[in-house]
PDB file of N, CA and C in Angstrom:
ATOM      1  N   MET A   1       4.853   4.511  18.065  1.00  0.00           N
ATOM      2  CA  MET A   1       4.197   4.515  16.780  1.00  0.00           C
ATOM      3  C   MET A   1       3.708   5.930  16.485  1.00  0.00           C
ATOM      4  N   SER A   2       4.033   6.428  15.302  1.00  0.00           N
ATOM      5  CA  SER A   2       3.625   7.793  14.983  1.00  0.00           C
ATOM      6  C   SER A   2       2.155   7.826  14.585  1.00  0.00           C
ATOM      7  N   LYS A   3       1.511   8.927  14.859  1.00  0.00           N
ATOM      8  CA  LYS A   3       0.089   9.104  14.574  1.00  0.00           C
ATOM      9  C   LYS A   3      -0.091   9.944  13.315  1.00  0.00           C
ATOM     10  N   ILE A   4       0.680   9.641  12.261  1.00  0.00           N
ATOM     11  CA  ILE A   4       0.608  10.413  11.025  1.00  0.00           C
ATOM     12  C   ILE A   4       0.196   9.499   9.880  1.00  0.00           C
ATOM     13  N   CYS A   5      -0.778   9.943   9.087  1.00  0.00           N
ATOM     14  CA  CYS A   5      -1.234   9.200   7.916  1.00  0.00           C
ATOM     15  C   CYS A   5      -0.181   9.334   6.822  1.00  0.00           C
ATOM     16  N   GLU A   6       0.241   8.204   6.238  1.00  0.00           N
ATOM     17  CA  GLU A   6       1.267   8.229   5.203  1.00  0.00           C
ATOM     18  C   GLU A   6       0.713   8.703   3.862  1.00  0.00           C
ATOM     19  N   ILE A   7      -0.599   8.758   3.706  1.00  0.00           N
ATOM     20  CA  ILE A   7      -1.209   9.165   2.451  1.00  0.00           C
ATOM     21  C   ILE A   7      -1.458  10.675   2.427  1.00  0.00           C
ATOM     22  N   CYS A   8      -2.202  11.172   3.400  1.00  0.00           N
ATOM     23  CA  CYS A   8      -2.588  12.590   3.376  1.00  0.00           C
ATOM     24  C   CYS A   8      -1.805  13.456   4.352  1.00  0.00           C
ATOM     25  N   GLY A   9      -1.053  12.830   5.268  1.00  0.00           N
ATOM     26  CA  GLY A   9      -0.252  13.610   6.212  1.00  0.00           C
ATOM     27  C   GLY A   9      -1.024  14.120   7.412  1.00  0.00           C
ATOM     28  N   LYS A  10      -2.240  13.613   7.607  1.00  0.00           N
ATOM     29  CA  LYS A  10      -3.032  14.039   8.762  1.00  0.00           C
ATOM     30  C   LYS A  10      -2.324  13.640  10.047  1.00  0.00           C
ATOM     31  N   LYS A  11      -2.280  14.550  11.036  1.00  0.00           N
ATOM     32  CA  LYS A  11      -1.589  14.290  12.291  1.00  0.00           C
ATOM     33  C   LYS A  11      -2.385  14.904  13.436  1.00  0.00           C
ATOM     34  N   PRO A  12      -1.990  14.635  14.691  1.00  0.00           N
ATOM     35  CA  PRO A  12      -2.755  15.147  15.828  1.00  0.00           C
ATOM     36  C   PRO A  12      -2.847  16.670  15.843  1.00  0.00           C
ATOM     37  N   MET A  13      -3.989  17.161  16.321  1.00  0.00           N
ATOM     38  CA  MET A  13      -4.205  18.590  16.503  1.00  0.00           C
ATOM     39  C   MET A  13      -4.396  18.847  17.991  1.00  0.00           C
ATOM     40  N   VAL A  14      -4.181  20.074  18.418  1.00  0.00           N
ATOM     41  CA  VAL A  14      -4.378  20.408  19.822  1.00  0.00           C
ATOM     42  C   VAL A  14      -5.588  21.321  19.969  1.00  0.00           C
ATOM     43  N   GLY A  15      -6.195  21.232  21.138  1.00  0.00           N
ATOM     44  CA  GLY A  15      -7.349  22.065  21.445  1.00  0.00           C
ATOM     45  C   GLY A  15      -7.490  22.173  22.942  1.00  0.00           C
ATOM     46  N   ASN A  16      -8.685  22.492  23.396  1.00  0.00           N
ATOM     47  CA  ASN A  16      -8.934  22.673  24.819  1.00  0.00           C
ATOM     48  C   ASN A  16     -10.134  21.867  25.281  1.00  0.00           C
ATOM     49  N   TYR A  17     -10.026  21.328  26.512  1.00  0.00           N
ATOM     50  CA  TYR A  17     -11.198  20.852  27.234  1.00  0.00           C
ATOM     51  C   TYR A  17     -11.785  22.098  27.885  1.00  0.00           C
ATOM     52  N   VAL A  18     -13.067  22.335  27.731  1.00  0.00           N
ATOM     53  CA  VAL A  18     -13.691  23.489  28.367  1.00  0.00           C
ATOM     54  C   VAL A  18     -14.832  22.975  29.236  1.00  0.00           C
ATOM     55  N   SER A  19     -14.725  23.164  30.546  1.00  0.00           N
ATOM     56  CA  SER A  19     -15.747  22.694  31.469  1.00  0.00           C
ATOM     57  C   SER A  19     -16.918  23.680  31.516  1.00  0.00           C
ATOM     58  N   HIS A  20     -17.962  23.304  32.213  1.00  0.00           N
ATOM     59  CA  HIS A  20     -19.132  24.176  32.370  1.00  0.00           C
ATOM     60  C   HIS A  20     -18.753  25.478  33.070  1.00  0.00           C
ATOM     61  N   ALA A  21     -17.781  25.395  33.983  1.00  0.00           N
ATOM     62  CA  ALA A  21     -17.303  26.584  34.689  1.00  0.00           C
ATOM     63  C   ALA A  21     -16.249  27.338  33.867  1.00  0.00           C
ATOM     64  N   HIS A  22     -16.068  26.930  32.626  1.00  0.00           N
ATOM     65  CA  HIS A  22     -15.116  27.515  31.679  1.00  0.00           C
ATOM     66  C   HIS A  22     -13.662  27.375  32.142  1.00  0.00           C
ATOM     67  N   ASN A  23     -13.379  26.296  32.875  1.00  0.00           N
ATOM     68  CA  ASN A  23     -11.989  25.943  33.159  1.00  0.00           C
ATOM     69  C   ASN A  23     -11.418  25.333  31.887  1.00  0.00           C
ATOM     70  N   VAL A  24     -10.234  25.761  31.484  1.00  0.00           N
ATOM     71  CA  VAL A  24      -9.652  25.333  30.214  1.00  0.00           C
ATOM     72  C   VAL A  24      -8.391  24.521  30.461  1.00  0.00           C
ATOM     73  N   ASN A  25      -8.348  23.311  29.873  1.00  0.00           N
ATOM     74  CA  ASN A  25      -7.170  22.448  29.918  1.00  0.00           C
ATOM     75  C   ASN A  25      -6.847  21.996  28.508  1.00  0.00           C
ATOM     76  N   LYS A  26      -5.575  21.755  28.246  1.00  0.00           N
ATOM     77  CA  LYS A  26      -5.166  21.309  26.920  1.00  0.00           C
ATOM     78  C   LYS A  26      -5.600  19.866  26.669  1.00  0.00           C
ATOM     79  N   ARG A  27      -5.908  19.554  25.414  1.00  0.00           N
ATOM     80  CA  ARG A  27      -6.208  18.195  24.998  1.00  0.00           C
ATOM     81  C   ARG A  27      -5.646  17.982  23.612  1.00  0.00           C
ATOM     82  N   ARG A  28      -5.681  16.739  23.145  1.00  0.00           N
ATOM     83  CA  ARG A  28      -5.116  16.384  21.854  1.00  0.00           C
ATOM     84  C   ARG A  28      -6.148  15.591  21.062  1.00  0.00           C
ATOM     85  N   PHE A  29      -6.393  15.974  19.816  1.00  0.00           N
ATOM     86  CA  PHE A  29      -7.300  15.267  18.921  1.00  0.00           C
ATOM     87  C   PHE A  29      -6.450  14.369  18.021  1.00  0.00           C
ATOM     88  N   ASN A  30      -6.505  13.046  18.234  1.00  0.00           N
ATOM     89  CA  ASN A  30      -5.728  12.106  17.438  1.00  0.00           C
ATOM     90  C   ASN A  30      -6.543  11.624  16.239  1.00  0.00           C
ATOM     91  N   PRO A  31      -5.935  11.511  15.067  1.00  0.00           N
ATOM     92  CA  PRO A  31      -6.650  10.948  13.919  1.00  0.00           C
ATOM     93  C   PRO A  31      -6.790   9.438  14.090  1.00  0.00           C
ATOM     94  N   ASN A  32      -7.802   8.865  13.444  1.00  0.00           N
ATOM     95  CA  ASN A  32      -8.032   7.429  13.518  1.00  0.00           C
ATOM     96  C   ASN A  32      -7.123   6.752  12.496  1.00  0.00           C
ATOM     97  N   ILE A  33      -5.945   6.318  12.951  1.00  0.00           N
ATOM     98  CA  ILE A  33      -4.932   5.720  12.082  1.00  0.00           C
ATOM     99  C   ILE A  33      -5.000   4.203  12.198  1.00  0.00           C
ATOM    100  N   GLN A  34      -5.035   3.526  11.039  1.00  0.00           N
ATOM    101  CA  GLN A  34      -5.093   2.067  10.985  1.00  0.00           C
ATOM    102  C   GLN A  34      -3.891   1.550  10.201  1.00  0.00           C
ATOM    103  N   ARG A  35      -3.406   0.381  10.580  1.00  0.00           N
ATOM    104  CA  ARG A  35      -2.327  -0.273   9.831  1.00  0.00           C
ATOM    105  C   ARG A  35      -2.990  -1.130   8.751  1.00  0.00           C
ATOM    106  N   VAL A  36      -2.658  -0.854   7.477  1.00  0.00           N
ATOM    107  CA  VAL A  36      -3.334  -1.495   6.353  1.00  0.00           C
ATOM    108  C   VAL A  36      -2.301  -2.071   5.391  1.00  0.00           C
ATOM    109  N   ARG A  37      -2.568  -3.255   4.884  1.00  0.00           N
ATOM    110  CA  ARG A  37      -1.709  -3.845   3.860  1.00  0.00           C
ATOM    111  C   ARG A  37      -2.201  -3.326   2.521  1.00  0.00           C
ATOM    112  N   ALA A  38      -1.377  -2.537   1.861  1.00  0.00           N
ATOM    113  CA  ALA A  38      -1.832  -1.873   0.642  1.00  0.00           C
ATOM    114  C   ALA A  38      -0.702  -1.738  -0.360  1.00  0.00           C
ATOM    115  N   ARG A  39      -1.092  -1.445  -1.610  1.00  0.00           N
ATOM    116  CA  ARG A  39      -0.112  -1.168  -2.650  1.00  0.00           C
ATOM    117  C   ARG A  39       0.217   0.315  -2.575  1.00  0.00           C
ATOM    118  N   HIS A  40       1.476   0.630  -2.259  1.00  0.00           N
ATOM    119  CA  HIS A  40       1.906   2.013  -2.088  1.00  0.00           C
ATOM    120  C   HIS A  40       3.179   2.223  -2.891  1.00  0.00           C
ATOM    121  N   GLN A  41       3.157   3.128  -3.847  1.00  0.00           N
ATOM    122  CA  GLN A  41       4.285   3.421  -4.731  1.00  0.00           C
ATOM    123  C   GLN A  41       4.756   2.168  -5.466  1.00  0.00           C
ATOM    124  N   GLY A  42       3.807   1.348  -5.926  1.00  0.00           N
ATOM    125  CA  GLY A  42       4.121   0.158  -6.708  1.00  0.00           C
ATOM    126  C   GLY A  42       4.521  -1.062  -5.916  1.00  0.00           C
ATOM    127  N   GLN A  43       4.592  -0.972  -4.597  1.00  0.00           N
ATOM    128  CA  GLN A  43       4.970  -2.107  -3.771  1.00  0.00           C
ATOM    129  C   GLN A  43       3.879  -2.408  -2.761  1.00  0.00           C
ATOM    130  N   VAL A  44       3.782  -3.680  -2.383  1.00  0.00           N
ATOM    131  CA  VAL A  44       2.831  -4.085  -1.358  1.00  0.00           C
ATOM    132  C   VAL A  44       3.528  -4.014  -0.014  1.00  0.00           C
ATOM    133  N   LYS A  45       3.002  -3.188   0.893  1.00  0.00           N
ATOM    134  CA  LYS A  45       3.568  -3.102   2.234  1.00  0.00           C
ATOM    135  C   LYS A  45       2.509  -2.604   3.201  1.00  0.00           C
ATOM    136  N   LYS A  46       2.815  -2.724   4.469  1.00  0.00           N
ATOM    137  CA  LYS A  46       1.895  -2.238   5.501  1.00  0.00           C
ATOM    138  C   LYS A  46       2.148  -0.758   5.711  1.00  0.00           C
ATOM    139  N   ILE A  47       1.091   0.029   5.633  1.00  0.00           N
ATOM    140  CA  ILE A  47       1.222   1.472   5.823  1.00  0.00           C
ATOM    141  C   ILE A  47       0.242   1.921   6.892  1.00  0.00           C
ATOM    142  N   MET A  48       0.509   3.078   7.441  1.00  0.00           N
ATOM    143  CA  MET A  48      -0.396   3.692   8.405  1.00  0.00           C
ATOM    144  C   MET A  48      -1.260   4.692   7.642  1.00  0.00           C
ATOM    145  N   ALA A  49      -2.578   4.460   7.620  1.00  0.00           N
ATOM    146  CA  ALA A  49      -3.477   5.323   6.864  1.00  0.00           C
ATOM    147  C   ALA A  49      -4.670   5.685   7.730  1.00  0.00           C
ATOM    148  N   CYS A  50      -5.152   6.913   7.584  1.00  0.00           N
ATOM    149  CA  CYS A  50      -6.334   7.327   8.334  1.00  0.00           C
ATOM    150  C   CYS A  50      -7.571   6.696   7.695  1.00  0.00           C
ATOM    151  N   THR A  51      -8.623   6.579   8.448  1.00  0.00           N
ATOM    152  CA  THR A  51      -9.835   5.929   7.969  1.00  0.00           C
ATOM    153  C   THR A  51     -10.479   6.709   6.835  1.00  0.00           C
ATOM    154  N   ARG A  52     -10.293   8.003   6.769  1.00  0.00           N
ATOM    155  CA  ARG A  52     -10.843   8.783   5.658  1.00  0.00           C
ATOM    156  C   ARG A  52     -10.182   8.389   4.341  1.00  0.00           C
ATOM    157  N   CYS A  53      -8.864   8.167   4.340  1.00  0.00           N
ATOM    158  CA  CYS A  53      -8.169   7.743   3.124  1.00  0.00           C
ATOM    159  C   CYS A  53      -8.578   6.325   2.717  1.00  0.00           C
ATOM    160  N   ILE A  54      -8.755   5.447   3.698  1.00  0.00           N
ATOM    161  CA  ILE A  54      -9.176   4.076   3.408  1.00  0.00           C
ATOM    162  C   ILE A  54     -10.578   4.082   2.811  1.00  0.00           C
ATOM    163  N   ARG A  55     -11.476   4.820   3.408  1.00  0.00           N
ATOM    164  CA  ARG A  55     -12.872   4.847   2.996  1.00  0.00           C
ATOM    165  C   ARG A  55     -13.054   5.497   1.629  1.00  0.00           C
ATOM    166  N   SER A  56     -12.264   6.532   1.331  1.00  0.00           N
ATOM    167  CA  SER A  56     -12.432   7.256   0.079  1.00  0.00           C
ATOM    168  C   SER A  56     -11.767   6.564  -1.100  1.00  0.00           C
ATOM    169  N   GLY A  57     -11.008   5.497  -0.852  1.00  0.00           N
ATOM    170  CA  GLY A  57     -10.386   4.748  -1.941  1.00  0.00           C
ATOM    171  C   GLY A  57      -9.057   5.316  -2.402  1.00  0.00           C
ATOM    172  N   LYS A  58      -8.402   6.112  -1.579  1.00  0.00           N
ATOM    173  CA  LYS A  58      -7.105   6.665  -1.950  1.00  0.00           C
ATOM    174  C   LYS A  58      -6.010   5.606  -1.904  1.00  0.00           C
ATOM    175  N   ILE A  59      -6.279   4.475  -1.251  1.00  0.00           N
ATOM    176  CA  ILE A  59      -5.313   3.381  -1.219  1.00  0.00           C
ATOM    177  C   ILE A  59      -5.953   2.148  -1.826  1.00  0.00           C
ATOM    178  N   GLU A  60      -5.122   1.260  -2.358  1.00  0.00           N
ATOM    179  CA  GLU A  60      -5.595   0.004  -2.927  1.00  0.00           C
ATOM    180  C   GLU A  60      -5.219  -1.110  -1.961  1.00  0.00           C
ATOM    181  N   LYS A  61      -6.221  -1.632  -1.241  1.00  0.00           N
ATOM    182  CA  LYS A  61      -5.949  -2.710  -0.295  1.00  0.00           C
ATOM    183  C   LYS A  61      -5.609  -3.983  -1.054  1.00  0.00           C
ATOM    184  N   VAL A  62      -4.697  -4.792  -0.473  1.00  0.00           N
ATOM    185  CA  VAL A  62      -4.230  -6.011  -1.115  1.00  0.00           C
ATOM    186  C   VAL A  62      -4.460  -7.187  -0.175  1.00  0.00           C
ATOM    187  N   PRO A  63      -5.063  -8.291  -0.661  1.00  0.00           N
ATOM    188  CA  PRO A  63      -5.240  -9.458   0.206  1.00  0.00           C
ATOM    189  C   PRO A  63      -3.904 -10.097   0.599  1.00  0.00           C
ATOM    190  N   ARG A  64      -3.943 -10.949   1.596  1.00  0.00           N
ATOM    191  CA  ARG A  64      -2.721 -11.512   2.162  1.00  0.00           C
ATOM    192  C   ARG A  64      -1.938 -12.402   1.203  1.00  0.00           C
ATOM    193  N   GLY A  65      -2.593 -13.165   0.333  1.00  0.00           N
ATOM    194  CA  GLY A  65      -1.895 -14.123  -0.528  1.00  0.00           C
ATOM    195  C   GLY A  65      -1.117 -13.510  -1.669  1.00  0.00           C
ATOM    196  N   ILE A  66      -1.308 -12.234  -1.962  1.00  0.00           N
ATOM    197  CA  ILE A  66      -0.691 -11.604  -3.128  1.00  0.00           C
ATOM    198  C   ILE A  66       0.622 -10.927  -2.740  1.00  0.00           C
ATOM    199  N   GLN A  67       1.649 -11.160  -3.574  1.00  0.00           N
ATOM    200  CA  GLN A  67       2.953 -10.543  -3.340  1.00  0.00           C
ATOM    201  C   GLN A  67       3.132  -9.360  -4.288  1.00  0.00           C
ATOM    202  N   ASN A  68       4.324  -8.803  -4.341  1.00  0.00           N
ATOM    203  CA  ASN A  68       4.619  -7.676  -5.246  1.00  0.00           C
ATOM    204  C   ASN A  68       4.535  -8.124  -6.689  1.00  0.00           C
ATOM    205  N   ASN A  69       3.630  -7.525  -7.454  1.00  0.00           N
ATOM    206  CA  ASN A  69       3.500  -7.809  -8.902  1.00  0.00           C
ATOM    207  C   ASN A  69       3.116  -6.556  -9.611  1.00  0.00           C
TER     208      ASN A  69
END
């Protein structure tokens, strides 16, 4: 499963773990991606969206009983 938001394109970033002794190791910052049933490009389908897009209202969530209209 890809970790990319279909709305804003947010994807994992890389950085470093830095210990107290300043030992540096690579790490990965993953976005909080959720599978949401939403209206996207005029159709109702399940999309992968980050929580920031869901919270800000960039997507229109659709209840389960509603089909494409």
